[in-house]
Amino acid sequence: GCDVTVMGSTRLTSSSQDRGRIARALDAEGNAVWAKRNAESVSAFRQLEKDTGVPFYTECGALVVGSEAFAKRAAQGVVDVERWGDRLAGRFPFLATNVDDFAALDAAAGHVDPMAMVAAQNAKAQHHGARILNDATVGELQLISGDTEGSRQSVVAITAADHQRVEADIAVVCAGAYTVPLLSASGLSCPPLLAGV
């Protein structure tokens, strides 16, 4: 097994942490990889809530309406697309639709409370033996050599607030939009994203 330390913050640090983050399989950009990943993530939310007792997901559905090509691009085969005809206006009278519109209804879609989701993920990690350091936002990473030849390196994460140092053999940086700035400020480069992501 591995010793795992999760370092993070319990404070809101960006607009992507508001309590209305939409989660749905539908992908308006038409990326099949993301549509599949989105569907898998949404389907895992209820199990994570059950395992931890921490609610974070509110199911409310999502609807894409437009041409057949647009609806199919958004659905990516993950959600059914059909011509609803008059039923669309009947079910959603507040939308300006016409009988030729196609729609993809993702009934499992909803919205996430990101900070509650992080609490659930941390609870699950802690259950499996991870050490959780809340309010330990990483301000800097350093690579240090662990032997005289310099062939073994480790990583030291230094917290922004109190300069606490946490050493690890491997660091997985999951800082969203802050990943590249954190790595750059630490003199490290960010590897290119995987193809298809």
C-alpha atoms as a PDB file:
ATOM      1  CA  GLY A   1       0.000   0.000   0.000  1.00  0.00           C
ATOM      2  CA  CYS A   2       0.838   3.636  -0.270  1.00  0.00           C
ATOM      3  CA  ASP A   3       0.800   6.409   2.269  1.00  0.00           C
ATOM      4  CA  VAL A   4      -1.447   9.109   0.815  1.00  0.00           C
ATOM      5  CA  THR A   5      -1.778  12.702   1.955  1.00  0.00           C
ATOM      6  CA  VAL A   6      -4.510  14.914   0.499  1.00  0.00           C
ATOM      7  CA  MET A   7      -3.772  18.621   0.758  1.00  0.00           C
ATOM      8  CA  GLY A   8      -6.397  21.203  -0.034  1.00  0.00           C
ATOM      9  CA  SER A   9      -8.612  24.025   1.048  1.00  0.00           C
ATOM     10  CA  THR A  10     -12.095  24.234   2.505  1.00  0.00           C
ATOM     11  CA  ARG A  11     -12.487  27.807   1.227  1.00  0.00           C
ATOM     12  CA  LEU A  12     -13.993  28.889  -2.073  1.00  0.00           C
ATOM     13  CA  THR A  13     -11.192  29.996  -4.357  1.00  0.00           C
ATOM     14  CA  SER A  14     -12.858  30.330  -7.754  1.00  0.00           C
ATOM     15  CA  SER A  15     -16.169  30.702  -9.525  1.00  0.00           C
ATOM     16  CA  SER A  16     -16.101  27.012 -10.420  1.00  0.00           C
ATOM     17  CA  GLN A  17     -16.740  26.169  -6.773  1.00  0.00           C
ATOM     18  CA  ASP A  18     -20.222  27.662  -6.546  1.00  0.00           C
ATOM     19  CA  ARG A  19     -23.068  25.375  -5.495  1.00  0.00           C
ATOM     20  CA  GLY A  20     -24.587  25.256  -8.964  1.00  0.00           C
ATOM     21  CA  ARG A  21     -21.977  23.329 -10.944  1.00  0.00           C
ATOM     22  CA  ILE A  22     -23.892  21.511 -13.662  1.00  0.00           C
ATOM     23  CA  ALA A  23     -23.181  17.814 -14.102  1.00  0.00           C
ATOM     24  CA  ARG A  24     -24.598  16.049 -17.141  1.00  0.00           C
ATOM     25  CA  ALA A  25     -23.678  13.483 -19.748  1.00  0.00           C
ATOM     26  CA  LEU A  26     -24.714  15.870 -22.510  1.00  0.00           C
ATOM     27  CA  ASP A  27     -21.757  17.673 -24.070  1.00  0.00           C
ATOM     28  CA  ALA A  28     -22.752  20.619 -26.267  1.00  0.00           C
ATOM     29  CA  GLU A  29     -19.270  20.667 -27.806  1.00  0.00           C
ATOM     30  CA  GLY A  30     -19.833  17.111 -29.019  1.00  0.00           C
ATOM     31  CA  ASN A  31     -16.819  15.456 -27.387  1.00  0.00           C
ATOM     32  CA  ALA A  32     -17.581  11.718 -27.119  1.00  0.00           C
ATOM     33  CA  VAL A  33     -14.808  11.137 -24.560  1.00  0.00           C
ATOM     34  CA  TRP A  34     -16.181  13.807 -22.225  1.00  0.00           C
ATOM     35  CA  ALA A  35     -19.788  12.677 -22.712  1.00  0.00           C
ATOM     36  CA  LYS A  36     -18.791   9.151 -21.617  1.00  0.00           C
ATOM     37  CA  ARG A  37     -16.735  10.441 -18.670  1.00  0.00           C
ATOM     38  CA  ASN A  38     -19.539  12.780 -17.639  1.00  0.00           C
ATOM     39  CA  ALA A  39     -22.065   9.921 -17.634  1.00  0.00           C
ATOM     40  CA  GLU A  40     -19.712   7.696 -15.603  1.00  0.00           C
ATOM     41  CA  SER A  41     -19.109  10.474 -13.063  1.00  0.00           C
ATOM     42  CA  VAL A  42     -22.794  11.254 -12.597  1.00  0.00           C
ATOM     43  CA  SER A  43     -23.568   7.567 -12.119  1.00  0.00           C
ATOM     44  CA  ALA A  44     -20.888   7.339  -9.388  1.00  0.00           C
ATOM     45  CA  PHE A  45     -22.176  10.306  -7.368  1.00  0.00           C
ATOM     46  CA  ARG A  46     -24.970   8.444  -5.544  1.00  0.00           C
ATOM     47  CA  GLN A  47     -22.615   5.647  -4.460  1.00  0.00           C
ATOM     48  CA  LEU A  48     -20.118   8.158  -3.075  1.00  0.00           C
ATOM     49  CA  GLU A  49     -22.919   9.897  -1.166  1.00  0.00           C
ATOM     50  CA  LYS A  50     -24.114   6.540   0.189  1.00  0.00           C
ATOM     51  CA  ASP A  51     -20.606   5.425   1.187  1.00  0.00           C
ATOM     52  CA  THR A  52     -19.808   8.647   3.053  1.00  0.00           C
ATOM     53  CA  GLY A  53     -23.163  10.015   4.200  1.00  0.00           C
ATOM     54  CA  VAL A  54     -22.233  13.367   2.623  1.00  0.00           C
ATOM     55  CA  PRO A  55     -24.882  14.665   0.181  1.00  0.00           C
ATOM     56  CA  PHE A  56     -23.549  16.838  -2.641  1.00  0.00           C
ATOM     57  CA  TYR A  57     -25.587  16.062  -5.793  1.00  0.00           C
ATOM     58  CA  THR A  58     -29.049  17.353  -6.683  1.00  0.00           C
ATOM     59  CA  GLU A  59     -30.659  15.586  -9.627  1.00  0.00           C
ATOM     60  CA  CYS A  60     -32.882  17.878 -11.730  1.00  0.00           C
ATOM     61  CA  GLY A  61     -32.348  16.840 -15.363  1.00  0.00           C
ATOM     62  CA  ALA A  62     -30.978  18.684 -18.389  1.00  0.00           C
ATOM     63  CA  LEU A  63     -32.450  19.271 -21.816  1.00  0.00           C
ATOM     64  CA  VAL A  64     -30.831  20.084 -25.154  1.00  0.00           C
ATOM     65  CA  VAL A  65     -33.161  21.274 -27.925  1.00  0.00           C
ATOM     66  CA  GLY A  66     -32.364  22.137 -31.528  1.00  0.00           C
ATOM     67  CA  SER A  67     -31.689  20.579 -34.862  1.00  0.00           C
ATOM     68  CA  GLU A  68     -31.219  16.834 -35.078  1.00  0.00           C
ATOM     69  CA  ALA A  69     -27.494  17.318 -35.751  1.00  0.00           C
ATOM     70  CA  PHE A  70     -27.074  19.573 -32.711  1.00  0.00           C
ATOM     71  CA  ALA A  71     -29.000  17.273 -30.353  1.00  0.00           C
ATOM     72  CA  LYS A  72     -27.094  14.189 -31.548  1.00  0.00           C
ATOM     73  CA  ARG A  73     -23.757  15.985 -31.211  1.00  0.00           C
ATOM     74  CA  ALA A  74     -24.598  16.902 -27.602  1.00  0.00           C
ATOM     75  CA  ALA A  75     -25.960  13.431 -26.760  1.00  0.00           C
ATOM     76  CA  GLN A  76     -22.983  11.511 -28.208  1.00  0.00           C
ATOM     77  CA  GLY A  77     -24.957   8.271 -27.964  1.00  0.00           C
ATOM     78  CA  VAL A  78     -25.065   8.540 -24.163  1.00  0.00           C
ATOM     79  CA  VAL A  79     -28.593  10.008 -24.108  1.00  0.00           C
ATOM     80  CA  ASP A  80     -31.428   9.252 -26.537  1.00  0.00           C
ATOM     81  CA  VAL A  81     -32.378  11.880 -29.118  1.00  0.00           C
ATOM     82  CA  GLU A  82     -35.890  12.115 -30.503  1.00  0.00           C
ATOM     83  CA  ARG A  83     -38.267  14.469 -32.247  1.00  0.00           C
ATOM     84  CA  TRP A  84     -40.757  15.429 -29.551  1.00  0.00           C
ATOM     85  CA  GLY A  85     -43.188  17.325 -31.773  1.00  0.00           C
ATOM     86  CA  ASP A  86     -46.013  18.904 -29.740  1.00  0.00           C
ATOM     87  CA  ARG A  87     -44.966  17.010 -26.580  1.00  0.00           C
ATOM     88  CA  LEU A  88     -41.953  19.307 -26.149  1.00  0.00           C
ATOM     89  CA  ALA A  89     -44.089  22.458 -25.872  1.00  0.00           C
ATOM     90  CA  GLY A  90     -46.562  20.588 -23.668  1.00  0.00           C
ATOM     91  CA  ARG A  91     -43.921  19.473 -21.182  1.00  0.00           C
ATOM     92  CA  PHE A  92     -41.816  22.648 -21.313  1.00  0.00           C
ATOM     93  CA  PRO A  93     -44.291  25.465 -22.102  1.00  0.00           C
ATOM     94  CA  PHE A  94     -41.787  28.137 -21.070  1.00  0.00           C
ATOM     95  CA  LEU A  95     -39.473  27.212 -23.993  1.00  0.00           C
ATOM     96  CA  ALA A  96     -39.887  28.606 -27.501  1.00  0.00           C
ATOM     97  CA  THR A  97     -39.872  25.370 -29.504  1.00  0.00           C
ATOM     98  CA  ASN A  98     -41.307  24.129 -32.762  1.00  0.00           C
ATOM     99  CA  VAL A  99     -42.594  20.729 -33.804  1.00  0.00           C
ATOM    100  CA  ASP A 100     -39.486  20.025 -35.895  1.00  0.00           C
ATOM    101  CA  ASP A 101     -37.081  20.378 -32.959  1.00  0.00           C
ATOM    102  CA  PHE A 102     -35.153  17.391 -31.672  1.00  0.00           C
ATOM    103  CA  ALA A 103     -34.378  17.019 -28.000  1.00  0.00           C
ATOM    104  CA  ALA A 104     -32.083  15.041 -25.748  1.00  0.00           C
ATOM    105  CA  LEU A 105     -33.340  14.735 -22.177  1.00  0.00           C
ATOM    106  CA  ASP A 106     -30.736  13.700 -19.616  1.00  0.00           C
ATOM    107  CA  ALA A 107     -32.895  12.809 -16.600  1.00  0.00           C
ATOM    108  CA  ALA A 108     -29.898  11.961 -14.381  1.00  0.00           C
ATOM    109  CA  ALA A 109     -28.273  15.385 -14.841  1.00  0.00           C
ATOM    110  CA  GLY A 110     -28.152  17.818 -11.967  1.00  0.00           C
ATOM    111  CA  HIS A 111     -25.901  20.124 -10.020  1.00  0.00           C
ATOM    112  CA  VAL A 112     -23.071  19.601  -7.572  1.00  0.00           C
ATOM    113  CA  ASP A 113     -22.051  21.398  -4.400  1.00  0.00           C
ATOM    114  CA  PRO A 114     -18.267  21.221  -5.041  1.00  0.00           C
ATOM    115  CA  MET A 115     -17.123  21.768  -1.462  1.00  0.00           C
ATOM    116  CA  ALA A 116     -19.494  19.046  -0.190  1.00  0.00           C
ATOM    117  CA  MET A 117     -18.222  16.780  -2.961  1.00  0.00           C
ATOM    118  CA  VAL A 118     -14.632  17.374  -1.848  1.00  0.00           C
ATOM    119  CA  ALA A 119     -15.710  16.562   1.727  1.00  0.00           C
ATOM    120  CA  ALA A 120     -17.228  13.278   0.475  1.00  0.00           C
ATOM    121  CA  GLN A 121     -14.089  12.424  -1.524  1.00  0.00           C
ATOM    122  CA  ASN A 122     -11.898  13.218   1.476  1.00  0.00           C
ATOM    123  CA  ALA A 123     -14.090  11.084   3.748  1.00  0.00           C
ATOM    124  CA  LYS A 124     -13.767   8.164   1.321  1.00  0.00           C
ATOM    125  CA  ALA A 125      -9.999   8.654   1.071  1.00  0.00           C
ATOM    126  CA  GLN A 126      -9.689   8.862   4.851  1.00  0.00           C
ATOM    127  CA  HIS A 127     -11.712   5.652   5.200  1.00  0.00           C
ATOM    128  CA  HIS A 128      -9.035   3.994   3.040  1.00  0.00           C
ATOM    129  CA  GLY A 129      -6.214   5.365   5.213  1.00  0.00           C
ATOM    130  CA  ALA A 130      -5.346   8.701   3.619  1.00  0.00           C
ATOM    131  CA  ARG A 131      -4.246  11.621   5.753  1.00  0.00           C
ATOM    132  CA  ILE A 132      -6.332  14.738   5.022  1.00  0.00           C
ATOM    133  CA  LEU A 133      -4.809  18.193   5.488  1.00  0.00           C
ATOM    134  CA  ASN A 134      -7.617  20.731   5.127  1.00  0.00           C
ATOM    135  CA  ASP A 135      -6.724  24.394   4.772  1.00  0.00           C
ATOM    136  CA  ALA A 136      -3.346  23.313   3.459  1.00  0.00           C
ATOM    137  CA  THR A 137      -3.347  25.033   0.080  1.00  0.00           C
ATOM    138  CA  VAL A 138      -0.060  24.268  -1.659  1.00  0.00           C
ATOM    139  CA  GLY A 139       1.865  27.407  -2.545  1.00  0.00           C
ATOM    140  CA  GLU A 140       5.012  25.792  -3.916  1.00  0.00           C
ATOM    141  CA  LEU A 141       6.431  22.453  -5.011  1.00  0.00           C
ATOM    142  CA  GLN A 142      10.125  21.566  -4.857  1.00  0.00           C
ATOM    143  CA  LEU A 143      11.962  18.606  -6.358  1.00  0.00           C
ATOM    144  CA  ILE A 144      14.741  17.303  -4.138  1.00  0.00           C
ATOM    145  CA  SER A 145      17.358  14.679  -4.845  1.00  0.00           C
ATOM    146  CA  GLY A 146      17.228  11.664  -2.557  1.00  0.00           C
ATOM    147  CA  ASP A 147      20.614  10.130  -3.337  1.00  0.00           C
ATOM    148  CA  THR A 148      24.129  11.204  -4.254  1.00  0.00           C
ATOM    149  CA  GLU A 149      23.707  10.295  -7.939  1.00  0.00           C
ATOM    150  CA  GLY A 150      20.515  12.334  -8.201  1.00  0.00           C
ATOM    151  CA  SER A 151      18.648   9.402  -9.749  1.00  0.00           C
ATOM    152  CA  ARG A 152      15.902   9.351  -7.098  1.00  0.00           C
ATOM    153  CA  GLN A 153      13.865  12.462  -6.563  1.00  0.00           C
ATOM    154  CA  SER A 154      11.036  13.295  -4.265  1.00  0.00           C
ATOM    155  CA  VAL A 155       8.627  16.185  -4.092  1.00  0.00           C
ATOM    156  CA  VAL A 156       8.106  18.609  -1.259  1.00  0.00           C
ATOM    157  CA  ALA A 157       4.810  20.463  -1.142  1.00  0.00           C
ATOM    158  CA  ILE A 158       4.945  23.680   0.851  1.00  0.00           C
ATOM    159  CA  THR A 159       1.704  25.174   2.132  1.00  0.00           C
ATOM    160  CA  ALA A 160       0.997  28.795   1.289  1.00  0.00           C
ATOM    161  CA  ALA A 161      -0.207  29.960   4.716  1.00  0.00           C
ATOM    162  CA  ASP A 162       2.193  28.429   7.264  1.00  0.00           C
ATOM    163  CA  HIS A 163       4.954  26.972   5.044  1.00  0.00           C
ATOM    164  CA  GLN A 164       4.349  23.446   6.327  1.00  0.00           C
ATOM    165  CA  ARG A 165       6.428  20.959   4.324  1.00  0.00           C
ATOM    166  CA  VAL A 166       5.077  17.590   3.184  1.00  0.00           C
ATOM    167  CA  GLU A 167       7.470  15.260   1.345  1.00  0.00           C
ATOM    168  CA  ALA A 168       6.293  12.575  -1.075  1.00  0.00           C
ATOM    169  CA  ASP A 169       7.698  10.253  -3.706  1.00  0.00           C
ATOM    170  CA  ILE A 170       4.913  11.255  -6.102  1.00  0.00           C
ATOM    171  CA  ALA A 171       2.709  14.342  -6.243  1.00  0.00           C
ATOM    172  CA  VAL A 172      -0.555  14.370  -8.151  1.00  0.00           C
ATOM    173  CA  VAL A 173      -1.516  17.985  -8.763  1.00  0.00           C
ATOM    174  CA  CYS A 174      -5.277  18.469  -9.166  1.00  0.00           C
ATOM    175  CA  ALA A 175      -5.606  22.218  -8.928  1.00  0.00           C
ATOM    176  CA  GLY A 176      -7.777  22.917 -11.958  1.00  0.00           C
ATOM    177  CA  ALA A 177      -6.985  26.313 -13.437  1.00  0.00           C
ATOM    178  CA  TYR A 178      -4.290  26.780 -10.771  1.00  0.00           C
ATOM    179  CA  THR A 179      -2.254  23.736 -11.894  1.00  0.00           C
ATOM    180  CA  VAL A 180      -0.130  25.436 -14.573  1.00  0.00           C
ATOM    181  CA  PRO A 181       0.544  28.588 -12.483  1.00  0.00           C
ATOM    182  CA  LEU A 182       1.523  26.457  -9.463  1.00  0.00           C
ATOM    183  CA  LEU A 183       3.882  24.310 -11.518  1.00  0.00           C
ATOM    184  CA  SER A 184       5.321  27.332 -13.363  1.00  0.00           C
ATOM    185  CA  ALA A 185       5.910  29.249 -10.120  1.00  0.00           C
ATOM    186  CA  SER A 186       7.702  26.154  -8.805  1.00  0.00           C
ATOM    187  CA  GLY A 187       9.944  25.970 -11.887  1.00  0.00           C
ATOM    188  CA  LEU A 188       8.226  22.844 -13.183  1.00  0.00           C
ATOM    189  CA  SER A 189       6.616  22.242 -16.549  1.00  0.00           C
ATOM    190  CA  CYS A 190       3.127  20.932 -17.061  1.00  0.00           C
ATOM    191  CA  PRO A 191       2.933  17.796 -19.221  1.00  0.00           C
ATOM    192  CA  PRO A 192       0.632  18.076 -22.233  1.00  0.00           C
ATOM    193  CA  LEU A 193      -2.904  16.850 -21.790  1.00  0.00           C
ATOM    194  CA  LEU A 194      -3.716  13.346 -22.919  1.00  0.00           C
ATOM    195  CA  ALA A 195      -4.976  13.050 -26.485  1.00  0.00           C
ATOM    196  CA  GLY A 196      -8.745  13.227 -26.736  1.00  0.00           C
ATOM    197  CA  VAL A 197      -9.208  15.069 -23.462  1.00  0.00           C
END
